[in-house]
């Protein structure tokens, strides 16, 4: 997993020399540029006035697996682009962390473990590795036999690595963090959301310090 900030909104014209937070403040004042020591930003955050944040956008490059990119793209407000297996070769497989099913929450997991599987009582991690090797070999054999990538890709597992780009307004990114930093989200997407939040924290500390974004469900 890797998260990289690759683009952000910058000011032009009368807003050219302003920081991101200063641009948001100027937009909130409809063009009046005023040094207030961050008072307006604090007011906006304290009172959950999110609309001025939709005028600023950030772009991220994210390396993850197909099962997680599908979850990210469920956030319809994030504009996304994904590595195409119709034209390009697979990027390999991400390591799968095996965790126990949560006893009461069907959409969550608990401790990492490696159970014995089947009559052979092999470790689950070993059987997963063998399965991925067979899937990779079958894919390559299909390609060598002349099968189109757009057809052969259907046999690849959800742990297949992918690269995606997302661009969204700050308001929508905070909405993403609001849901995916929450403890009920899958661990792998929590890790990505935390990295996105950390990158935003570097760029706009005046804003991110005013909300408890690491725990989710703040909006």
C-alpha atoms as a PDB file:
ATOM      1  CA  UNK A   1       0.000   0.000   0.000  1.00  0.00           C
ATOM      2  CA  UNK A   2       1.237   3.449  -0.902  1.00  0.00           C
ATOM      3  CA  UNK A   3      -0.419   6.870  -0.879  1.00  0.00           C
ATOM      4  CA  UNK A   4       1.109   9.894  -2.584  1.00  0.00           C
ATOM      5  CA  UNK A   5      -0.275  13.427  -2.826  1.00  0.00           C
ATOM      6  CA  UNK A   6       0.244  14.470  -6.463  1.00  0.00           C
ATOM      7  CA  UNK A   7      -1.799  17.641  -7.004  1.00  0.00           C
ATOM      8  CA  UNK A   8      -3.660  20.407  -5.235  1.00  0.00           C
ATOM      9  CA  UNK A   9      -5.548  23.614  -5.969  1.00  0.00           C
ATOM     10  CA  UNK A  10      -3.440  26.771  -6.041  1.00  0.00           C
ATOM     11  CA  UNK A  11      -4.469  30.395  -6.111  1.00  0.00           C
ATOM     12  CA  UNK A  12      -4.206  32.591  -9.197  1.00  0.00           C
ATOM     13  CA  UNK A  13      -4.700  36.304  -9.753  1.00  0.00           C
ATOM     14  CA  UNK A  14      -5.438  38.083  -6.488  1.00  0.00           C
ATOM     15  CA  UNK A  15      -5.275  34.714  -4.681  1.00  0.00           C
ATOM     16  CA  UNK A  16      -1.872  33.754  -6.104  1.00  0.00           C
ATOM     17  CA  UNK A  17       0.244  34.126  -2.960  1.00  0.00           C
ATOM     18  CA  UNK A  18      -2.311  32.678  -0.542  1.00  0.00           C
ATOM     19  CA  UNK A  19      -2.010  29.365   1.266  1.00  0.00           C
ATOM     20  CA  UNK A  20      -4.763  26.793   0.888  1.00  0.00           C
ATOM     21  CA  UNK A  21      -6.371  27.837   4.169  1.00  0.00           C
ATOM     22  CA  UNK A  22      -6.135  31.506   3.183  1.00  0.00           C
ATOM     23  CA  UNK A  23      -7.850  30.748  -0.136  1.00  0.00           C
ATOM     24  CA  UNK A  24     -10.694  29.049   1.738  1.00  0.00           C
ATOM     25  CA  UNK A  25     -11.009  32.052   4.049  1.00  0.00           C
ATOM     26  CA  UNK A  26     -11.015  34.468   1.086  1.00  0.00           C
ATOM     27  CA  UNK A  27     -13.693  32.416  -0.676  1.00  0.00           C
ATOM     28  CA  UNK A  28     -15.767  32.392   2.520  1.00  0.00           C
ATOM     29  CA  UNK A  29     -15.535  36.214   2.559  1.00  0.00           C
ATOM     30  CA  UNK A  30     -16.349  36.376  -1.175  1.00  0.00           C
ATOM     31  CA  UNK A  31     -13.004  37.815  -2.134  1.00  0.00           C
ATOM     32  CA  UNK A  32     -12.014  39.816   0.911  1.00  0.00           C
ATOM     33  CA  UNK A  33      -8.465  38.829   1.864  1.00  0.00           C
ATOM     34  CA  UNK A  34      -7.909  39.341   5.555  1.00  0.00           C
ATOM     35  CA  UNK A  35      -5.259  38.151   7.987  1.00  0.00           C
ATOM     36  CA  UNK A  36      -7.106  36.951  11.063  1.00  0.00           C
ATOM     37  CA  UNK A  37      -4.731  34.387  12.541  1.00  0.00           C
ATOM     38  CA  UNK A  38      -6.926  31.502  11.419  1.00  0.00           C
ATOM     39  CA  UNK A  39     -10.032  32.660  13.312  1.00  0.00           C
ATOM     40  CA  UNK A  40     -12.380  32.169  10.369  1.00  0.00           C
ATOM     41  CA  UNK A  41     -11.034  28.680   9.650  1.00  0.00           C
ATOM     42  CA  UNK A  42     -11.543  27.757  13.304  1.00  0.00           C
ATOM     43  CA  UNK A  43     -15.091  29.119  13.179  1.00  0.00           C
ATOM     44  CA  UNK A  44     -15.883  27.125  10.034  1.00  0.00           C
ATOM     45  CA  UNK A  45     -14.550  23.892  11.537  1.00  0.00           C
ATOM     46  CA  UNK A  46     -16.088  24.385  14.979  1.00  0.00           C
ATOM     47  CA  UNK A  47     -19.502  25.014  13.448  1.00  0.00           C
ATOM     48  CA  UNK A  48     -19.224  22.381  10.697  1.00  0.00           C
ATOM     49  CA  UNK A  49     -19.589  24.831   7.841  1.00  0.00           C
ATOM     50  CA  UNK A  50     -18.180  22.517   5.166  1.00  0.00           C
ATOM     51  CA  UNK A  51     -19.308  24.276   1.976  1.00  0.00           C
ATOM     52  CA  UNK A  52     -16.236  26.568   1.586  1.00  0.00           C
ATOM     53  CA  UNK A  53     -14.069  23.420   1.538  1.00  0.00           C
ATOM     54  CA  UNK A  54     -15.611  22.246  -1.731  1.00  0.00           C
ATOM     55  CA  UNK A  55     -13.665  24.921  -3.670  1.00  0.00           C
ATOM     56  CA  UNK A  56     -10.291  23.266  -2.962  1.00  0.00           C
ATOM     57  CA  UNK A  57      -9.224  19.938  -4.507  1.00  0.00           C
ATOM     58  CA  UNK A  58      -6.424  17.443  -3.909  1.00  0.00           C
ATOM     59  CA  UNK A  59      -5.253  14.528  -6.037  1.00  0.00           C
ATOM     60  CA  UNK A  60      -3.722  11.263  -4.806  1.00  0.00           C
ATOM     61  CA  UNK A  61      -1.976   8.298  -6.360  1.00  0.00           C
ATOM     62  CA  UNK A  62      -2.781   5.130  -4.421  1.00  0.00           C
ATOM     63  CA  UNK A  63      -1.257   1.668  -4.777  1.00  0.00           C
ATOM     64  CA  UNK A  64      -3.502  -1.009  -3.300  1.00  0.00           C
ATOM     65  CA  UNK A  65      -5.432  -4.161  -4.288  1.00  0.00           C
ATOM     66  CA  UNK A  66      -8.562  -4.573  -6.382  1.00  0.00           C
ATOM     67  CA  UNK A  67     -10.804  -5.418  -3.420  1.00  0.00           C
ATOM     68  CA  UNK A  68      -9.870  -2.118  -1.757  1.00  0.00           C
ATOM     69  CA  UNK A  69     -10.008   0.049  -4.890  1.00  0.00           C
ATOM     70  CA  UNK A  70     -13.595  -1.161  -5.351  1.00  0.00           C
ATOM     71  CA  UNK A  71     -14.433   0.151  -1.887  1.00  0.00           C
ATOM     72  CA  UNK A  72     -12.759   3.494  -2.599  1.00  0.00           C
ATOM     73  CA  UNK A  73     -14.721   3.948  -5.818  1.00  0.00           C
ATOM     74  CA  UNK A  74     -17.973   3.440  -3.926  1.00  0.00           C
ATOM     75  CA  UNK A  75     -17.421   7.033  -2.779  1.00  0.00           C
ATOM     76  CA  UNK A  76     -19.040   8.552  -5.836  1.00  0.00           C
ATOM     77  CA  UNK A  77     -17.760  12.058  -5.100  1.00  0.00           C
ATOM     78  CA  UNK A  78     -14.151  10.904  -5.623  1.00  0.00           C
ATOM     79  CA  UNK A  79     -13.133  11.210  -9.276  1.00  0.00           C
ATOM     80  CA  UNK A  80     -11.099   8.111 -10.075  1.00  0.00           C
ATOM     81  CA  UNK A  81      -8.912   6.431 -12.666  1.00  0.00           C
ATOM     82  CA  UNK A  82      -7.610   2.855 -12.324  1.00  0.00           C
ATOM     83  CA  UNK A  83      -4.872   0.717 -13.844  1.00  0.00           C
ATOM     84  CA  UNK A  84      -6.511  -1.154 -16.718  1.00  0.00           C
ATOM     85  CA  UNK A  85      -6.001  -4.896 -16.962  1.00  0.00           C
ATOM     86  CA  UNK A  86      -7.583  -4.730 -20.394  1.00  0.00           C
ATOM     87  CA  UNK A  87      -4.441  -3.162 -21.853  1.00  0.00           C
ATOM     88  CA  UNK A  88      -1.687  -3.687 -19.274  1.00  0.00           C
ATOM     89  CA  UNK A  89      -0.092  -6.620 -17.487  1.00  0.00           C
ATOM     90  CA  UNK A  90      -1.040  -7.367 -13.863  1.00  0.00           C
ATOM     91  CA  UNK A  91       1.142  -5.770 -11.195  1.00  0.00           C
ATOM     92  CA  UNK A  92       1.345  -8.896  -9.052  1.00  0.00           C
ATOM     93  CA  UNK A  93      -0.486  -9.738  -5.843  1.00  0.00           C
ATOM     94  CA  UNK A  94      -0.630  -8.002  -2.484  1.00  0.00           C
ATOM     95  CA  UNK A  95       0.080 -10.075   0.606  1.00  0.00           C
ATOM     96  CA  UNK A  96      -3.132 -11.149   2.314  1.00  0.00           C
ATOM     97  CA  UNK A  97      -3.352 -10.748   6.083  1.00  0.00           C
ATOM     98  CA  UNK A  98      -5.612 -13.487   7.457  1.00  0.00           C
ATOM     99  CA  UNK A  99      -7.708 -12.316  10.403  1.00  0.00           C
ATOM    100  CA  UNK A 100     -10.413 -13.972  12.476  1.00  0.00           C
ATOM    101  CA  UNK A 101     -14.050 -13.191  11.811  1.00  0.00           C
ATOM    102  CA  UNK A 102     -15.488 -10.830  14.418  1.00  0.00           C
ATOM    103  CA  UNK A 103     -17.824 -12.767  16.727  1.00  0.00           C
ATOM    104  CA  UNK A 104     -20.681 -10.241  16.499  1.00  0.00           C
ATOM    105  CA  UNK A 105     -19.896  -7.864  13.609  1.00  0.00           C
ATOM    106  CA  UNK A 106     -20.180  -9.620  10.253  1.00  0.00           C
ATOM    107  CA  UNK A 107     -18.336  -6.836   8.420  1.00  0.00           C
ATOM    108  CA  UNK A 108     -15.290  -6.787  10.676  1.00  0.00           C
ATOM    109  CA  UNK A 109     -12.325  -8.915  11.736  1.00  0.00           C
ATOM    110  CA  UNK A 110     -10.098  -9.341  14.774  1.00  0.00           C
ATOM    111  CA  UNK A 111      -6.763 -11.059  15.435  1.00  0.00           C
ATOM    112  CA  UNK A 112      -4.297 -12.182  12.768  1.00  0.00           C
ATOM    113  CA  UNK A 113      -4.040 -15.976  12.613  1.00  0.00           C
ATOM    114  CA  UNK A 114      -3.001 -18.816  10.298  1.00  0.00           C
ATOM    115  CA  UNK A 115      -5.395 -21.761  10.679  1.00  0.00           C
ATOM    116  CA  UNK A 116      -4.983 -25.287   9.406  1.00  0.00           C
ATOM    117  CA  UNK A 117      -7.115 -25.950   6.325  1.00  0.00           C
ATOM    118  CA  UNK A 118      -8.639 -29.126   4.867  1.00  0.00           C
ATOM    119  CA  UNK A 119      -7.733 -32.775   5.233  1.00  0.00           C
ATOM    120  CA  UNK A 120      -4.061 -32.076   4.609  1.00  0.00           C
ATOM    121  CA  UNK A 121      -4.057 -29.626   7.534  1.00  0.00           C
ATOM    122  CA  UNK A 122      -1.776 -27.231   5.698  1.00  0.00           C
ATOM    123  CA  UNK A 123      -1.384 -23.715   6.984  1.00  0.00           C
ATOM    124  CA  UNK A 124      -3.838 -21.325   5.345  1.00  0.00           C
ATOM    125  CA  UNK A 125      -1.027 -18.966   4.337  1.00  0.00           C
ATOM    126  CA  UNK A 126       0.718 -21.787   2.455  1.00  0.00           C
ATOM    127  CA  UNK A 127      -2.452 -22.760   0.612  1.00  0.00           C
ATOM    128  CA  UNK A 128      -3.116 -19.117  -0.294  1.00  0.00           C
ATOM    129  CA  UNK A 129       0.398 -18.842  -1.708  1.00  0.00           C
ATOM    130  CA  UNK A 130      -0.067 -21.996  -3.765  1.00  0.00           C
ATOM    131  CA  UNK A 131      -3.415 -20.753  -5.075  1.00  0.00           C
ATOM    132  CA  UNK A 132      -1.938 -17.401  -6.146  1.00  0.00           C
ATOM    133  CA  UNK A 133       0.908 -19.151  -7.959  1.00  0.00           C
ATOM    134  CA  UNK A 134      -1.607 -21.291  -9.858  1.00  0.00           C
ATOM    135  CA  UNK A 135      -3.734 -18.236 -10.697  1.00  0.00           C
ATOM    136  CA  UNK A 136      -0.680 -16.377 -12.019  1.00  0.00           C
ATOM    137  CA  UNK A 137       0.432 -19.363 -14.101  1.00  0.00           C
ATOM    138  CA  UNK A 138      -3.043 -19.880 -15.546  1.00  0.00           C
ATOM    139  CA  UNK A 139      -3.284 -16.192 -16.481  1.00  0.00           C
ATOM    140  CA  UNK A 140       0.102 -16.278 -18.217  1.00  0.00           C
ATOM    141  CA  UNK A 141      -0.804 -19.510 -20.018  1.00  0.00           C
ATOM    142  CA  UNK A 142      -4.036 -17.961 -21.270  1.00  0.00           C
ATOM    143  CA  UNK A 143      -2.164 -14.930 -22.593  1.00  0.00           C
ATOM    144  CA  UNK A 144       0.427 -17.133 -24.304  1.00  0.00           C
ATOM    145  CA  UNK A 145      -2.419 -19.077 -25.912  1.00  0.00           C
ATOM    146  CA  UNK A 146      -3.739 -15.900 -27.483  1.00  0.00           C
ATOM    147  CA  UNK A 147      -6.566 -15.134 -25.059  1.00  0.00           C
ATOM    148  CA  UNK A 148      -7.252 -11.391 -24.862  1.00  0.00           C
ATOM    149  CA  UNK A 149      -6.263  -9.583 -21.670  1.00  0.00           C
ATOM    150  CA  UNK A 150      -9.839  -8.373 -21.252  1.00  0.00           C
ATOM    151  CA  UNK A 151     -10.933 -12.012 -20.938  1.00  0.00           C
ATOM    152  CA  UNK A 152      -7.963 -13.484 -19.069  1.00  0.00           C
ATOM    153  CA  UNK A 153      -8.181 -10.834 -16.349  1.00  0.00           C
ATOM    154  CA  UNK A 154     -11.425 -12.383 -15.107  1.00  0.00           C
ATOM    155  CA  UNK A 155      -9.550 -15.232 -13.430  1.00  0.00           C
ATOM    156  CA  UNK A 156      -7.330 -12.934 -11.343  1.00  0.00           C
ATOM    157  CA  UNK A 157      -8.077 -12.714  -7.587  1.00  0.00           C
ATOM    158  CA  UNK A 158      -9.124  -9.548  -5.743  1.00  0.00           C
ATOM    159  CA  UNK A 159      -5.688  -9.226  -4.124  1.00  0.00           C
ATOM    160  CA  UNK A 160      -4.250  -8.318  -7.540  1.00  0.00           C
ATOM    161  CA  UNK A 161      -2.311  -5.066  -7.163  1.00  0.00           C
ATOM    162  CA  UNK A 162      -3.664  -1.938  -8.765  1.00  0.00           C
ATOM    163  CA  UNK A 163      -2.816   1.751  -9.043  1.00  0.00           C
ATOM    164  CA  UNK A 164      -5.555   4.329  -8.850  1.00  0.00           C
ATOM    165  CA  UNK A 165      -5.712   8.105  -9.007  1.00  0.00           C
ATOM    166  CA  UNK A 166      -8.397  10.014  -7.150  1.00  0.00           C
ATOM    167  CA  UNK A 167      -9.122  13.733  -7.184  1.00  0.00           C
ATOM    168  CA  UNK A 168     -11.751  15.327  -4.982  1.00  0.00           C
ATOM    169  CA  UNK A 169     -12.703  18.481  -3.186  1.00  0.00           C
ATOM    170  CA  UNK A 170     -11.490  18.863   0.370  1.00  0.00           C
ATOM    171  CA  UNK A 171     -15.055  18.545   1.594  1.00  0.00           C
ATOM    172  CA  UNK A 172     -15.469  15.199  -0.165  1.00  0.00           C
ATOM    173  CA  UNK A 173     -12.093  13.948   1.052  1.00  0.00           C
ATOM    174  CA  UNK A 174     -13.130  14.732   4.617  1.00  0.00           C
ATOM    175  CA  UNK A 175     -16.313  12.761   3.930  1.00  0.00           C
ATOM    176  CA  UNK A 176     -14.128   9.831   2.851  1.00  0.00           C
ATOM    177  CA  UNK A 177     -12.045  10.093   6.048  1.00  0.00           C
ATOM    178  CA  UNK A 178     -15.216  10.412   8.087  1.00  0.00           C
ATOM    179  CA  UNK A 179     -16.279   6.920   7.015  1.00  0.00           C
ATOM    180  CA  UNK A 180     -13.032   5.079   6.317  1.00  0.00           C
ATOM    181  CA  UNK A 181     -11.026   6.132   9.378  1.00  0.00           C
ATOM    182  CA  UNK A 182     -13.773   4.717  11.550  1.00  0.00           C
ATOM    183  CA  UNK A 183     -12.918   1.515  13.410  1.00  0.00           C
ATOM    184  CA  UNK A 184     -15.719  -0.356  11.610  1.00  0.00           C
ATOM    185  CA  UNK A 185     -14.009   0.059   8.219  1.00  0.00           C
ATOM    186  CA  UNK A 186     -11.779  -2.710   6.865  1.00  0.00           C
ATOM    187  CA  UNK A 187      -8.218  -2.423   8.177  1.00  0.00           C
ATOM    188  CA  UNK A 188      -6.641  -2.061   4.728  1.00  0.00           C
ATOM    189  CA  UNK A 189      -8.833   0.881   3.732  1.00  0.00           C
ATOM    190  CA  UNK A 190      -8.385   2.419   7.192  1.00  0.00           C
ATOM    191  CA  UNK A 191      -4.640   2.419   6.508  1.00  0.00           C
ATOM    192  CA  UNK A 192      -5.173   4.235   3.202  1.00  0.00           C
ATOM    193  CA  UNK A 193      -7.554   6.766   4.756  1.00  0.00           C
ATOM    194  CA  UNK A 194      -5.071   7.495   7.523  1.00  0.00           C
ATOM    195  CA  UNK A 195      -2.331   8.107   4.976  1.00  0.00           C
ATOM    196  CA  UNK A 196      -4.596  10.457   3.015  1.00  0.00           C
ATOM    197  CA  UNK A 197      -5.362  12.310   6.250  1.00  0.00           C
ATOM    198  CA  UNK A 198      -1.678  12.571   7.123  1.00  0.00           C
ATOM    199  CA  UNK A 199      -0.906  14.084   3.714  1.00  0.00           C
ATOM    200  CA  UNK A 200      -3.718  16.595   4.146  1.00  0.00           C
ATOM    201  CA  UNK A 201      -2.442  17.345   7.639  1.00  0.00           C
ATOM    202  CA  UNK A 202       0.904  18.401   6.151  1.00  0.00           C
ATOM    203  CA  UNK A 203      -0.780  20.680   3.607  1.00  0.00           C
ATOM    204  CA  UNK A 204      -3.527  22.220   5.718  1.00  0.00           C
ATOM    205  CA  UNK A 205      -2.638  21.807   9.419  1.00  0.00           C
ATOM    206  CA  UNK A 206      -4.858  24.771  10.350  1.00  0.00           C
ATOM    207  CA  UNK A 207      -7.902  22.818   9.165  1.00  0.00           C
ATOM    208  CA  UNK A 208      -7.011  19.238  10.035  1.00  0.00           C
ATOM    209  CA  UNK A 209      -6.043  20.155  13.596  1.00  0.00           C
ATOM    210  CA  UNK A 210      -9.571  21.427  14.233  1.00  0.00           C
ATOM    211  CA  UNK A 211     -11.268  18.070  13.643  1.00  0.00           C
ATOM    212  CA  UNK A 212     -10.767  14.632  15.169  1.00  0.00           C
ATOM    213  CA  UNK A 213     -10.329  13.056  11.743  1.00  0.00           C
ATOM    214  CA  UNK A 214      -8.331  10.016  12.911  1.00  0.00           C
ATOM    215  CA  UNK A 215     -11.332   8.511  14.650  1.00  0.00           C
ATOM    216  CA  UNK A 216     -13.840   9.049  11.867  1.00  0.00           C
ATOM    217  CA  UNK A 217     -17.527   9.960  12.115  1.00  0.00           C
ATOM    218  CA  UNK A 218     -16.913  13.645  12.821  1.00  0.00           C
ATOM    219  CA  UNK A 219     -19.158  15.190  10.140  1.00  0.00           C
END
